[in-house]
Amino acid sequence: MSKIKLSETFIKDRVKLALTEDLYPSGDITSNLLKKNKIITAKIVSNQKAIVAGLLFTKHTFNQVDKKIKFISKKKDGSSVKKNSVIAIIKGKASSILVAERVALNF
């Protein structure tokens, strides 16, 4: 099986388009409910047995929303995971993580 290597530019462009679509025209109104500078740790956890895919898209989504967000992959694309496996850990401003999370999880 051949592997397709996507360029970083391609990934960043697709992420930008997805964020624009998700946030237009009103932005993320739910993040306004949070304290502006509250720092949190969030996890991406599998809800079933799966194959991990799209981590670079996910990482770039958080990075485009807030460059200070730390994205720590715990699994690699192509790896098998069981239900409740931690795939990634995200640390940063709660409001920034909330803005990015819908698009990131879609990837």
PDB file of N, CA and C in Angstrom:
ATOM      1  N   MET A   1       0.836  -1.166   0.000  1.00  0.00           N
ATOM      2  CA  MET A   1       0.000   0.000   0.000  1.00  0.00           C
ATOM      3  C   MET A   1       0.888   1.240   0.000  1.00  0.00           C
ATOM      4  N   SER A   2       0.593   2.185  -0.878  1.00  0.00           N
ATOM      5  CA  SER A   2       1.383   3.418  -0.911  1.00  0.00           C
ATOM      6  C   SER A   2       0.844   4.412   0.110  1.00  0.00           C
ATOM      7  N   LYS A   3       1.752   5.244   0.608  1.00  0.00           N
ATOM      8  CA  LYS A   3       1.360   6.271   1.562  1.00  0.00           C
ATOM      9  C   LYS A   3       1.344   7.616   0.848  1.00  0.00           C
ATOM     10  N   ILE A   4       0.307   8.380   1.085  1.00  0.00           N
ATOM     11  CA  ILE A   4       0.214   9.719   0.518  1.00  0.00           C
ATOM     12  C   ILE A   4       0.726  10.696   1.557  1.00  0.00           C
ATOM     13  N   LYS A   5       1.673  11.532   1.179  1.00  0.00           N
ATOM     14  CA  LYS A   5       2.251  12.532   2.071  1.00  0.00           C
ATOM     15  C   LYS A   5       1.654  13.888   1.699  1.00  0.00           C
ATOM     16  N   LEU A   6       0.911  14.477   2.633  1.00  0.00           N
ATOM     17  CA  LEU A   6       0.312  15.786   2.400  1.00  0.00           C
ATOM     18  C   LEU A   6       1.279  16.865   2.868  1.00  0.00           C
ATOM     19  N   SER A   7       1.382  17.922   2.086  1.00  0.00           N
ATOM     20  CA  SER A   7       2.287  19.000   2.464  1.00  0.00           C
ATOM     21  C   SER A   7       1.713  19.785   3.640  1.00  0.00           C
ATOM     22  N   GLU A   8       2.593  20.413   4.389  1.00  0.00           N
ATOM     23  CA  GLU A   8       2.168  21.231   5.523  1.00  0.00           C
ATOM     24  C   GLU A   8       1.303  22.400   5.045  1.00  0.00           C
ATOM     25  N   THR A   9       1.622  22.943   3.892  1.00  0.00           N
ATOM     26  CA  THR A   9       0.836  24.033   3.327  1.00  0.00           C
ATOM     27  C   THR A   9      -0.588  23.576   3.029  1.00  0.00           C
ATOM     28  N   PHE A  10      -0.729  22.394   2.445  1.00  0.00           N
ATOM     29  CA  PHE A  10      -2.048  21.840   2.156  1.00  0.00           C
ATOM     30  C   PHE A  10      -2.848  21.689   3.447  1.00  0.00           C
ATOM     31  N   ILE A  11      -2.220  21.135   4.478  1.00  0.00           N
ATOM     32  CA  ILE A  11      -2.905  20.915   5.759  1.00  0.00           C
ATOM     33  C   ILE A  11      -3.327  22.256   6.365  1.00  0.00           C
ATOM     34  N   LYS A  12      -2.415  23.219   6.414  1.00  0.00           N
ATOM     35  CA  LYS A  12      -2.736  24.529   6.988  1.00  0.00           C
ATOM     36  C   LYS A  12      -3.874  25.217   6.231  1.00  0.00           C
ATOM     37  N   ASP A  13      -3.858  25.107   4.900  1.00  0.00           N
ATOM     38  CA  ASP A  13      -4.915  25.723   4.093  1.00  0.00           C
ATOM     39  C   ASP A  13      -6.280  25.098   4.371  1.00  0.00           C
ATOM     40  N   ARG A  14      -6.318  23.774   4.483  1.00  0.00           N
ATOM     41  CA  ARG A  14      -7.594  23.087   4.756  1.00  0.00           C
ATOM     42  C   ARG A  14      -8.110  23.429   6.148  1.00  0.00           C
ATOM     43  N   VAL A  15      -7.198  23.534   7.104  1.00  0.00           N
ATOM     44  CA  VAL A  15      -7.573  23.907   8.469  1.00  0.00           C
ATOM     45  C   VAL A  15      -8.151  25.321   8.483  1.00  0.00           C
ATOM     46  N   LYS A  16      -7.495  26.228   7.786  1.00  0.00           N
ATOM     47  CA  LYS A  16      -7.977  27.614   7.734  1.00  0.00           C
ATOM     48  C   LYS A  16      -9.379  27.677   7.137  1.00  0.00           C
ATOM     49  N   LEU A  17      -9.609  26.944   6.063  1.00  0.00           N
ATOM     50  CA  LEU A  17     -10.939  26.902   5.448  1.00  0.00           C
ATOM     51  C   LEU A  17     -11.984  26.353   6.414  1.00  0.00           C
ATOM     52  N   ALA A  18     -11.646  25.284   7.108  1.00  0.00           N
ATOM     53  CA  ALA A  18     -12.598  24.668   8.045  1.00  0.00           C
ATOM     54  C   ALA A  18     -12.917  25.604   9.204  1.00  0.00           C
ATOM     55  N   LEU A  19     -11.898  26.271   9.740  1.00  0.00           N
ATOM     56  CA  LEU A  19     -12.136  27.221  10.834  1.00  0.00           C
ATOM     57  C   LEU A  19     -12.997  28.389  10.360  1.00  0.00           C
ATOM     58  N   THR A  20     -12.727  28.888   9.167  1.00  0.00           N
ATOM     59  CA  THR A  20     -13.513  29.986   8.616  1.00  0.00           C
ATOM     60  C   THR A  20     -14.973  29.570   8.475  1.00  0.00           C
ATOM     61  N   GLU A  21     -15.204  28.380   7.946  1.00  0.00           N
ATOM     62  CA  GLU A  21     -16.570  27.881   7.774  1.00  0.00           C
ATOM     63  C   GLU A  21     -17.274  27.716   9.126  1.00  0.00           C
ATOM     64  N   ASP A  22     -16.558  27.188  10.104  1.00  0.00           N
ATOM     65  CA  ASP A  22     -17.158  26.930  11.414  1.00  0.00           C
ATOM     66  C   ASP A  22     -17.457  28.223  12.171  1.00  0.00           C
ATOM     67  N   LEU A  23     -16.596  29.203  12.035  1.00  0.00           N
ATOM     68  CA  LEU A  23     -16.718  30.417  12.843  1.00  0.00           C
ATOM     69  C   LEU A  23     -17.492  31.547  12.165  1.00  0.00           C
ATOM     70  N   TYR A  24     -17.782  31.426  10.885  1.00  0.00           N
ATOM     71  CA  TYR A  24     -18.503  32.482  10.170  1.00  0.00           C
ATOM     72  C   TYR A  24     -19.997  32.307  10.334  1.00  0.00           C
ATOM     73  N   PRO A  25     -20.798  33.294  10.563  1.00  0.00           N
ATOM     74  CA  PRO A  25     -20.476  34.709  10.706  1.00  0.00           C
ATOM     75  C   PRO A  25     -20.355  35.150  12.169  1.00  0.00           C
ATOM     76  N   SER A  26     -20.761  34.315  13.114  1.00  0.00           N
ATOM     77  CA  SER A  26     -20.880  34.777  14.507  1.00  0.00           C
ATOM     78  C   SER A  26     -19.697  34.445  15.388  1.00  0.00           C
ATOM     79  N   GLY A  27     -18.741  33.684  14.903  1.00  0.00           N
ATOM     80  CA  GLY A  27     -17.636  33.249  15.752  1.00  0.00           C
ATOM     81  C   GLY A  27     -18.113  32.163  16.706  1.00  0.00           C
ATOM     82  N   ASP A  28     -17.358  31.928  17.738  1.00  0.00           N
ATOM     83  CA  ASP A  28     -17.730  30.922  18.728  1.00  0.00           C
ATOM     84  C   ASP A  28     -18.346  31.632  19.932  1.00  0.00           C
ATOM     85  N   ILE A  29     -19.656  31.625  20.004  1.00  0.00           N
ATOM     86  CA  ILE A  29     -20.332  32.379  21.064  1.00  0.00           C
ATOM     87  C   ILE A  29     -20.194  31.709  22.428  1.00  0.00           C
ATOM     88  N   THR A  30     -19.976  30.401  22.463  1.00  0.00           N
ATOM     89  CA  THR A  30     -19.874  29.711  23.757  1.00  0.00           C
ATOM     90  C   THR A  30     -18.590  30.043  24.500  1.00  0.00           C
ATOM     91  N   SER A  31     -17.514  30.353  23.786  1.00  0.00           N
ATOM     92  CA  SER A  31     -16.253  30.675  24.465  1.00  0.00           C
ATOM     93  C   SER A  31     -16.345  31.988  25.239  1.00  0.00           C
ATOM     94  N   ASN A  32     -17.320  32.818  24.902  1.00  0.00           N
ATOM     95  CA  ASN A  32     -17.520  34.074  25.632  1.00  0.00           C
ATOM     96  C   ASN A  32     -18.001  33.837  27.065  1.00  0.00           C
ATOM     97  N   LEU A  33     -18.456  32.630  27.355  1.00  0.00           N
ATOM     98  CA  LEU A  33     -18.942  32.306  28.694  1.00  0.00           C
ATOM     99  C   LEU A  33     -17.804  32.001  29.665  1.00  0.00           C
ATOM    100  N   LEU A  34     -16.589  31.841  29.148  1.00  0.00           N
ATOM    101  CA  LEU A  34     -15.449  31.442  29.967  1.00  0.00           C
ATOM    102  C   LEU A  34     -14.585  32.632  30.349  1.00  0.00           C
ATOM    103  N   LYS A  35     -13.854  32.465  31.445  1.00  0.00           N
ATOM    104  CA  LYS A  35     -12.872  33.486  31.817  1.00  0.00           C
ATOM    105  C   LYS A  35     -11.815  33.552  30.726  1.00  0.00           C
ATOM    106  N   LYS A  36     -11.448  34.751  30.349  1.00  0.00           N
ATOM    107  CA  LYS A  36     -10.548  34.963  29.210  1.00  0.00           C
ATOM    108  C   LYS A  36      -9.208  34.237  29.322  1.00  0.00           C
ATOM    109  N   ASN A  37      -8.625  34.191  30.499  1.00  0.00           N
ATOM    110  CA  ASN A  37      -7.275  33.637  30.630  1.00  0.00           C
ATOM    111  C   ASN A  37      -7.206  32.322  31.394  1.00  0.00           C
ATOM    112  N   LYS A  38      -8.332  31.671  31.585  1.00  0.00           N
ATOM    113  CA  LYS A  38      -8.336  30.397  32.301  1.00  0.00           C
ATOM    114  C   LYS A  38      -7.578  29.346  31.487  1.00  0.00           C
ATOM    115  N   ILE A  39      -6.566  28.725  32.096  1.00  0.00           N
ATOM    116  CA  ILE A  39      -5.763  27.687  31.443  1.00  0.00           C
ATOM    117  C   ILE A  39      -6.316  26.326  31.850  1.00  0.00           C
ATOM    118  N   ILE A  40      -6.500  25.457  30.855  1.00  0.00           N
ATOM    119  CA  ILE A  40      -7.020  24.117  31.123  1.00  0.00           C
ATOM    120  C   ILE A  40      -6.174  23.070  30.405  1.00  0.00           C
ATOM    121  N   THR A  41      -6.386  21.829  30.802  1.00  0.00           N
ATOM    122  CA  THR A  41      -5.837  20.679  30.093  1.00  0.00           C
ATOM    123  C   THR A  41      -7.022  19.862  29.599  1.00  0.00           C
ATOM    124  N   ALA A  42      -7.031  19.571  28.308  1.00  0.00           N
ATOM    125  CA  ALA A  42      -8.091  18.770  27.702  1.00  0.00           C
ATOM    126  C   ALA A  42      -7.461  17.527  27.082  1.00  0.00           C
ATOM    127  N   LYS A  43      -8.271  16.509  26.894  1.00  0.00           N
ATOM    128  CA  LYS A  43      -7.782  15.277  26.270  1.00  0.00           C
ATOM    129  C   LYS A  43      -8.694  14.891  25.124  1.00  0.00           C
ATOM    130  N   ILE A  44      -8.093  14.352  24.088  1.00  0.00           N
ATOM    131  CA  ILE A  44      -8.856  13.692  23.033  1.00  0.00           C
ATOM    132  C   ILE A  44      -8.815  12.208  23.369  1.00  0.00           C
ATOM    133  N   VAL A  45      -9.992  11.643  23.604  1.00  0.00           N
ATOM    134  CA  VAL A  45     -10.113  10.257  24.052  1.00  0.00           C
ATOM    135  C   VAL A  45     -11.017   9.510  23.067  1.00  0.00           C
ATOM    136  N   SER A  46     -10.597   8.318  22.663  1.00  0.00           N
ATOM    137  CA  SER A  46     -11.411   7.529  21.734  1.00  0.00           C
ATOM    138  C   SER A  46     -12.672   7.043  22.447  1.00  0.00           C
ATOM    139  N   ASN A  47     -13.796   7.103  21.741  1.00  0.00           N
ATOM    140  CA  ASN A  47     -15.037   6.608  22.333  1.00  0.00           C
ATOM    141  C   ASN A  47     -15.373   5.197  21.857  1.00  0.00           C
ATOM    142  N   GLN A  48     -14.460   4.625  21.066  1.00  0.00           N
ATOM    143  CA  GLN A  48     -14.608   3.247  20.609  1.00  0.00           C
ATOM    144  C   GLN A  48     -13.269   2.761  20.052  1.00  0.00           C
ATOM    145  N   LYS A  49     -13.188   1.500  19.749  1.00  0.00           N
ATOM    146  CA  LYS A  49     -12.002   0.943  19.098  1.00  0.00           C
ATOM    147  C   LYS A  49     -11.881   1.630  17.738  1.00  0.00           C
ATOM    148  N   ALA A  50     -10.644   2.065  17.375  1.00  0.00           N
ATOM    149  CA  ALA A  50     -10.491   2.854  16.152  1.00  0.00           C
ATOM    150  C   ALA A  50      -9.055   2.841  15.650  1.00  0.00           C
ATOM    151  N   ILE A  51      -8.875   3.427  14.484  1.00  0.00           N
ATOM    152  CA  ILE A  51      -7.557   3.707  13.916  1.00  0.00           C
ATOM    153  C   ILE A  51      -7.393   5.229  13.942  1.00  0.00           C
ATOM    154  N   VAL A  52      -6.290   5.701  14.490  1.00  0.00           N
ATOM    155  CA  VAL A  52      -6.037   7.141  14.609  1.00  0.00           C
ATOM    156  C   VAL A  52      -5.682   7.718  13.244  1.00  0.00           C
ATOM    157  N   ALA A  53      -6.264   8.871  12.939  1.00  0.00           N
ATOM    158  CA  ALA A  53      -5.957   9.571  11.689  1.00  0.00           C
ATOM    159  C   ALA A  53      -6.214  11.058  11.876  1.00  0.00           C
ATOM    160  N   GLY A  54      -5.489  11.874  11.143  1.00  0.00           N
ATOM    161  CA  GLY A  54      -5.743  13.307  11.117  1.00  0.00           C
ATOM    162  C   GLY A  54      -5.079  14.122  12.206  1.00  0.00           C
ATOM    163  N   LEU A  55      -4.066  13.571  12.872  1.00  0.00           N
ATOM    164  CA  LEU A  55      -3.448  14.304  13.980  1.00  0.00           C
ATOM    165  C   LEU A  55      -2.764  15.604  13.553  1.00  0.00           C
ATOM    166  N   LEU A  56      -2.150  15.628  12.385  1.00  0.00           N
ATOM    167  CA  LEU A  56      -1.525  16.878  11.932  1.00  0.00           C
ATOM    168  C   LEU A  56      -2.576  17.963  11.673  1.00  0.00           C
ATOM    169  N   PHE A  57      -3.714  17.580  11.121  1.00  0.00           N
ATOM    170  CA  PHE A  57      -4.803  18.529  10.923  1.00  0.00           C
ATOM    171  C   PHE A  57      -5.287  19.050  12.278  1.00  0.00           C
ATOM    172  N   THR A  58      -5.425  18.160  13.224  1.00  0.00           N
ATOM    173  CA  THR A  58      -5.891  18.527  14.557  1.00  0.00           C
ATOM    174  C   THR A  58      -4.905  19.469  15.233  1.00  0.00           C
ATOM    175  N   LYS A  59      -3.640  19.131  15.186  1.00  0.00           N
ATOM    176  CA  LYS A  59      -2.606  19.966  15.794  1.00  0.00           C
ATOM    177  C   LYS A  59      -2.606  21.369  15.174  1.00  0.00           C
ATOM    178  N   HIS A  60      -2.678  21.451  13.858  1.00  0.00           N
ATOM    179  CA  HIS A  60      -2.670  22.742  13.182  1.00  0.00           C
ATOM    180  C   HIS A  60      -3.937  23.546  13.479  1.00  0.00           C
ATOM    181  N   THR A  61      -5.046  22.867  13.729  1.00  0.00           N
ATOM    182  CA  THR A  61      -6.278  23.582  14.086  1.00  0.00           C
ATOM    183  C   THR A  61      -6.087  24.348  15.385  1.00  0.00           C
ATOM    184  N   PHE A  62      -5.583  23.668  16.406  1.00  0.00           N
ATOM    185  CA  PHE A  62      -5.344  24.343  17.684  1.00  0.00           C
ATOM    186  C   PHE A  62      -4.296  25.448  17.520  1.00  0.00           C
ATOM    187  N   ASN A  63      -3.254  25.180  16.745  1.00  0.00           N
ATOM    188  CA  ASN A  63      -2.179  26.146  16.543  1.00  0.00           C
ATOM    189  C   ASN A  63      -2.648  27.403  15.812  1.00  0.00           C
ATOM    190  N   GLN A  64      -3.553  27.240  14.849  1.00  0.00           N
ATOM    191  CA  GLN A  64      -4.043  28.412  14.122  1.00  0.00           C
ATOM    192  C   GLN A  64      -4.947  29.283  14.992  1.00  0.00           C
ATOM    193  N   VAL A  65      -5.637  28.675  15.926  1.00  0.00           N
ATOM    194  CA  VAL A  65      -6.504  29.443  16.824  1.00  0.00           C
ATOM    195  C   VAL A  65      -5.665  30.173  17.865  1.00  0.00           C
ATOM    196  N   ASP A  66      -4.638  29.493  18.404  1.00  0.00           N
ATOM    197  CA  ASP A  66      -3.804  30.098  19.454  1.00  0.00           C
ATOM    198  C   ASP A  66      -2.445  29.405  19.444  1.00  0.00           C
ATOM    199  N   LYS A  67      -1.429  30.134  19.042  1.00  0.00           N
ATOM    200  CA  LYS A  67      -0.081  29.562  18.925  1.00  0.00           C
ATOM    201  C   LYS A  67       0.492  29.117  20.269  1.00  0.00           C
ATOM    202  N   LYS A  68      -0.097  29.565  21.373  1.00  0.00           N
ATOM    203  CA  LYS A  68       0.395  29.185  22.694  1.00  0.00           C
ATOM    204  C   LYS A  68      -0.170  27.852  23.180  1.00  0.00           C
ATOM    205  N   ILE A  69      -1.144  27.295  22.488  1.00  0.00           N
ATOM    206  CA  ILE A  69      -1.694  25.992  22.875  1.00  0.00           C
ATOM    207  C   ILE A  69      -0.627  24.925  22.661  1.00  0.00           C
ATOM    208  N   LYS A  70      -0.474  24.064  23.659  1.00  0.00           N
ATOM    209  CA  LYS A  70       0.448  22.924  23.543  1.00  0.00           C
ATOM    210  C   LYS A  70      -0.371  21.696  23.164  1.00  0.00           C
ATOM    211  N   PHE A  71       0.033  21.051  22.083  1.00  0.00           N
ATOM    212  CA  PHE A  71      -0.638  19.843  21.592  1.00  0.00           C
ATOM    213  C   PHE A  71       0.343  18.690  21.715  1.00  0.00           C
ATOM    214  N   ILE A  72       0.014  17.718  22.543  1.00  0.00           N
ATOM    215  CA  ILE A  72       0.902  16.589  22.792  1.00  0.00           C
ATOM    216  C   ILE A  72       0.230  15.307  22.295  1.00  0.00           C
ATOM    217  N   SER A  73       0.775  14.743  21.216  1.00  0.00           N
ATOM    218  CA  SER A  73       0.234  13.487  20.682  1.00  0.00           C
ATOM    219  C   SER A  73       0.665  12.326  21.561  1.00  0.00           C
ATOM    220  N   LYS A  74      -0.264  11.474  21.896  1.00  0.00           N
ATOM    221  CA  LYS A  74       0.027  10.267  22.657  1.00  0.00           C
ATOM    222  C   LYS A  74      -0.014   9.024  21.763  1.00  0.00           C
ATOM    223  N   LYS A  75      -0.563   9.185  20.574  1.00  0.00           N
ATOM    224  CA  LYS A  75      -0.643   8.111  19.584  1.00  0.00           C
ATOM    225  C   LYS A  75      -0.174   8.669  18.252  1.00  0.00           C
ATOM    226  N   LYS A  76       0.097   7.783  17.307  1.00  0.00           N
ATOM    227  CA  LYS A  76       0.494   8.185  15.962  1.00  0.00           C
ATOM    228  C   LYS A  76      -0.614   7.849  14.986  1.00  0.00           C
ATOM    229  N   ASP A  77      -0.674   8.610  13.888  1.00  0.00           N
ATOM    230  CA  ASP A  77      -1.614   8.270  12.827  1.00  0.00           C
ATOM    231  C   ASP A  77      -1.361   6.831  12.385  1.00  0.00           C
ATOM    232  N   GLY A  78      -2.442   6.101  12.185  1.00  0.00           N
ATOM    233  CA  GLY A  78      -2.345   4.711  11.758  1.00  0.00           C
ATOM    234  C   GLY A  78      -2.331   3.718  12.897  1.00  0.00           C
ATOM    235  N   SER A  79      -2.191   4.187  14.133  1.00  0.00           N
ATOM    236  CA  SER A  79      -2.157   3.248  15.260  1.00  0.00           C
ATOM    237  C   SER A  79      -3.576   2.854  15.674  1.00  0.00           C
ATOM    238  N   SER A  80      -3.703   1.631  16.136  1.00  0.00           N
ATOM    239  CA  SER A  80      -4.976   1.135  16.651  1.00  0.00           C
ATOM    240  C   SER A  80      -5.121   1.560  18.100  1.00  0.00           C
ATOM    241  N   VAL A  81      -6.346   1.947  18.459  1.00  0.00           N
ATOM    242  CA  VAL A  81      -6.611   2.316  19.847  1.00  0.00           C
ATOM    243  C   VAL A  81      -7.861   1.607  20.335  1.00  0.00           C
ATOM    244  N   LYS A  82      -7.882   1.369  21.623  1.00  0.00           N
ATOM    245  CA  LYS A  82      -9.059   0.793  22.264  1.00  0.00           C
ATOM    246  C   LYS A  82      -9.966   1.922  22.735  1.00  0.00           C
ATOM    247  N   LYS A  83     -11.171   1.567  23.130  1.00  0.00           N
ATOM    248  CA  LYS A  83     -12.086   2.541  23.711  1.00  0.00           C
ATOM    249  C   LYS A  83     -11.424   3.170  24.936  1.00  0.00           C
ATOM    250  N   ASN A  84     -11.606   4.473  25.102  1.00  0.00           N
ATOM    251  CA  ASN A  84     -11.075   5.259  26.220  1.00  0.00           C
ATOM    252  C   ASN A  84      -9.559   5.479  26.180  1.00  0.00           C
ATOM    253  N   SER A  85      -8.937   5.284  25.028  1.00  0.00           N
ATOM    254  CA  SER A  85      -7.505   5.571  24.889  1.00  0.00           C
ATOM    255  C   SER A  85      -7.288   7.070  24.732  1.00  0.00           C
ATOM    256  N   VAL A  86      -6.284   7.601  25.409  1.00  0.00           N
ATOM    257  CA  VAL A  86      -5.929   9.011  25.250  1.00  0.00           C
ATOM    258  C   VAL A  86      -5.109   9.144  23.959  1.00  0.00           C
ATOM    259  N   ILE A  87      -5.601   9.945  23.054  1.00  0.00           N
ATOM    260  CA  ILE A  87      -4.952  10.137  21.766  1.00  0.00           C
ATOM    261  C   ILE A  87      -4.060  11.369  21.792  1.00  0.00           C
ATOM    262  N   ALA A  88      -4.509  12.422  22.478  1.00  0.00           N
ATOM    263  CA  ALA A  88      -3.727  13.655  22.567  1.00  0.00           C
ATOM    264  C   ALA A  88      -4.129  14.437  23.812  1.00  0.00           C
ATOM    265  N   ILE A  89      -3.208  15.281  24.259  1.00  0.00           N
ATOM    266  CA  ILE A  89      -3.460  16.175  25.384  1.00  0.00           C
ATOM    267  C   ILE A  89      -3.242  17.598  24.874  1.00  0.00           C
ATOM    268  N   ILE A  90      -4.154  18.482  25.237  1.00  0.00           N
ATOM    269  CA  ILE A  90      -4.103  19.866  24.794  1.00  0.00           C
ATOM    270  C   ILE A  90      -4.094  20.756  26.030  1.00  0.00           C
ATOM    271  N   LYS A  91      -3.144  21.686  26.090  1.00  0.00           N
ATOM    272  CA  LYS A  91      -3.048  22.622  27.216  1.00  0.00           C
ATOM    273  C   LYS A  91      -3.049  24.043  26.680  1.00  0.00           C
ATOM    274  N   GLY A  92      -3.867  24.897  27.293  1.00  0.00           N
ATOM    275  CA  GLY A  92      -3.915  26.290  26.880  1.00  0.00           C
ATOM    276  C   GLY A  92      -5.131  26.991  27.418  1.00  0.00           C
ATOM    277  N   LYS A  93      -5.401  28.168  26.870  1.00  0.00           N
ATOM    278  CA  LYS A  93      -6.565  28.943  27.291  1.00  0.00           C
ATOM    279  C   LYS A  93      -7.845  28.179  26.956  1.00  0.00           C
ATOM    280  N   ALA A  94      -8.738  28.092  27.928  1.00  0.00           N
ATOM    281  CA  ALA A  94      -9.999  27.377  27.734  1.00  0.00           C
ATOM    282  C   ALA A  94     -10.775  27.945  26.541  1.00  0.00           C
ATOM    283  N   SER A  95     -10.819  29.271  26.421  1.00  0.00           N
ATOM    284  CA  SER A  95     -11.578  29.887  25.334  1.00  0.00           C
ATOM    285  C   SER A  95     -10.989  29.515  23.971  1.00  0.00           C
ATOM    286  N   SER A  96      -9.683  29.460  23.847  1.00  0.00           N
ATOM    287  CA  SER A  96      -9.045  29.096  22.576  1.00  0.00           C
ATOM    288  C   SER A  96      -9.286  27.629  22.241  1.00  0.00           C
ATOM    289  N   ILE A  97      -9.182  26.768  23.239  1.00  0.00           N
ATOM    290  CA  ILE A  97      -9.416  25.340  23.019  1.00  0.00           C
ATOM    291  C   ILE A  97     -10.859  25.109  22.580  1.00  0.00           C
ATOM    292  N   LEU A  98     -11.805  25.815  23.193  1.00  0.00           N
ATOM    293  CA  LEU A  98     -13.213  25.663  22.831  1.00  0.00           C
ATOM    294  C   LEU A  98     -13.476  26.127  21.404  1.00  0.00           C
ATOM    295  N   VAL A  99     -12.829  27.194  20.978  1.00  0.00           N
ATOM    296  CA  VAL A  99     -12.994  27.684  19.602  1.00  0.00           C
ATOM    297  C   VAL A  99     -12.531  26.621  18.609  1.00  0.00           C
ATOM    298  N   ALA A 100     -11.429  25.941  18.896  1.00  0.00           N
ATOM    299  CA  ALA A 100     -10.817  24.997  17.950  1.00  0.00           C
ATOM    300  C   ALA A 100     -11.378  23.586  18.019  1.00  0.00           C
ATOM    301  N   GLU A 101     -11.959  23.192  19.132  1.00  0.00           N
ATOM    302  CA  GLU A 101     -12.231  21.768  19.350  1.00  0.00           C
ATOM    303  C   GLU A 101     -13.198  21.143  18.345  1.00  0.00           C
ATOM    304  N   ARG A 102     -14.233  21.835  17.914  1.00  0.00           N
ATOM    305  CA  ARG A 102     -15.179  21.215  16.968  1.00  0.00           C
ATOM    306  C   ARG A 102     -14.501  20.878  15.654  1.00  0.00           C
ATOM    307  N   VAL A 103     -13.740  21.839  15.131  1.00  0.00           N
ATOM    308  CA  VAL A 103     -13.037  21.601  13.863  1.00  0.00           C
ATOM    309  C   VAL A 103     -11.973  20.532  14.044  1.00  0.00           C
ATOM    310  N   ALA A 104     -11.227  20.597  15.125  1.00  0.00           N
ATOM    311  CA  ALA A 104     -10.164  19.613  15.378  1.00  0.00           C
ATOM    312  C   ALA A 104     -10.731  18.193  15.430  1.00  0.00           C
ATOM    313  N   LEU A 105     -11.826  18.019  16.147  1.00  0.00           N
ATOM    314  CA  LEU A 105     -12.406  16.673  16.263  1.00  0.00           C
ATOM    315  C   LEU A 105     -12.986  16.190  14.950  1.00  0.00           C
ATOM    316  N   ASN A 106     -13.478  17.105  14.106  1.00  0.00           N
ATOM    317  CA  ASN A 106     -13.953  16.699  12.801  1.00  0.00           C
ATOM    318  C   ASN A 106     -12.820  16.134  11.943  1.00  0.00           C
ATOM    319  N   PHE A 107     -11.627  16.712  12.069  1.00  0.00           N
ATOM    320  CA  PHE A 107     -10.483  16.161  11.344  1.00  0.00           C
ATOM    321  C   PHE A 107     -10.111  14.815  11.914  1.00  0.00           C
TER     322      PHE A 107
END
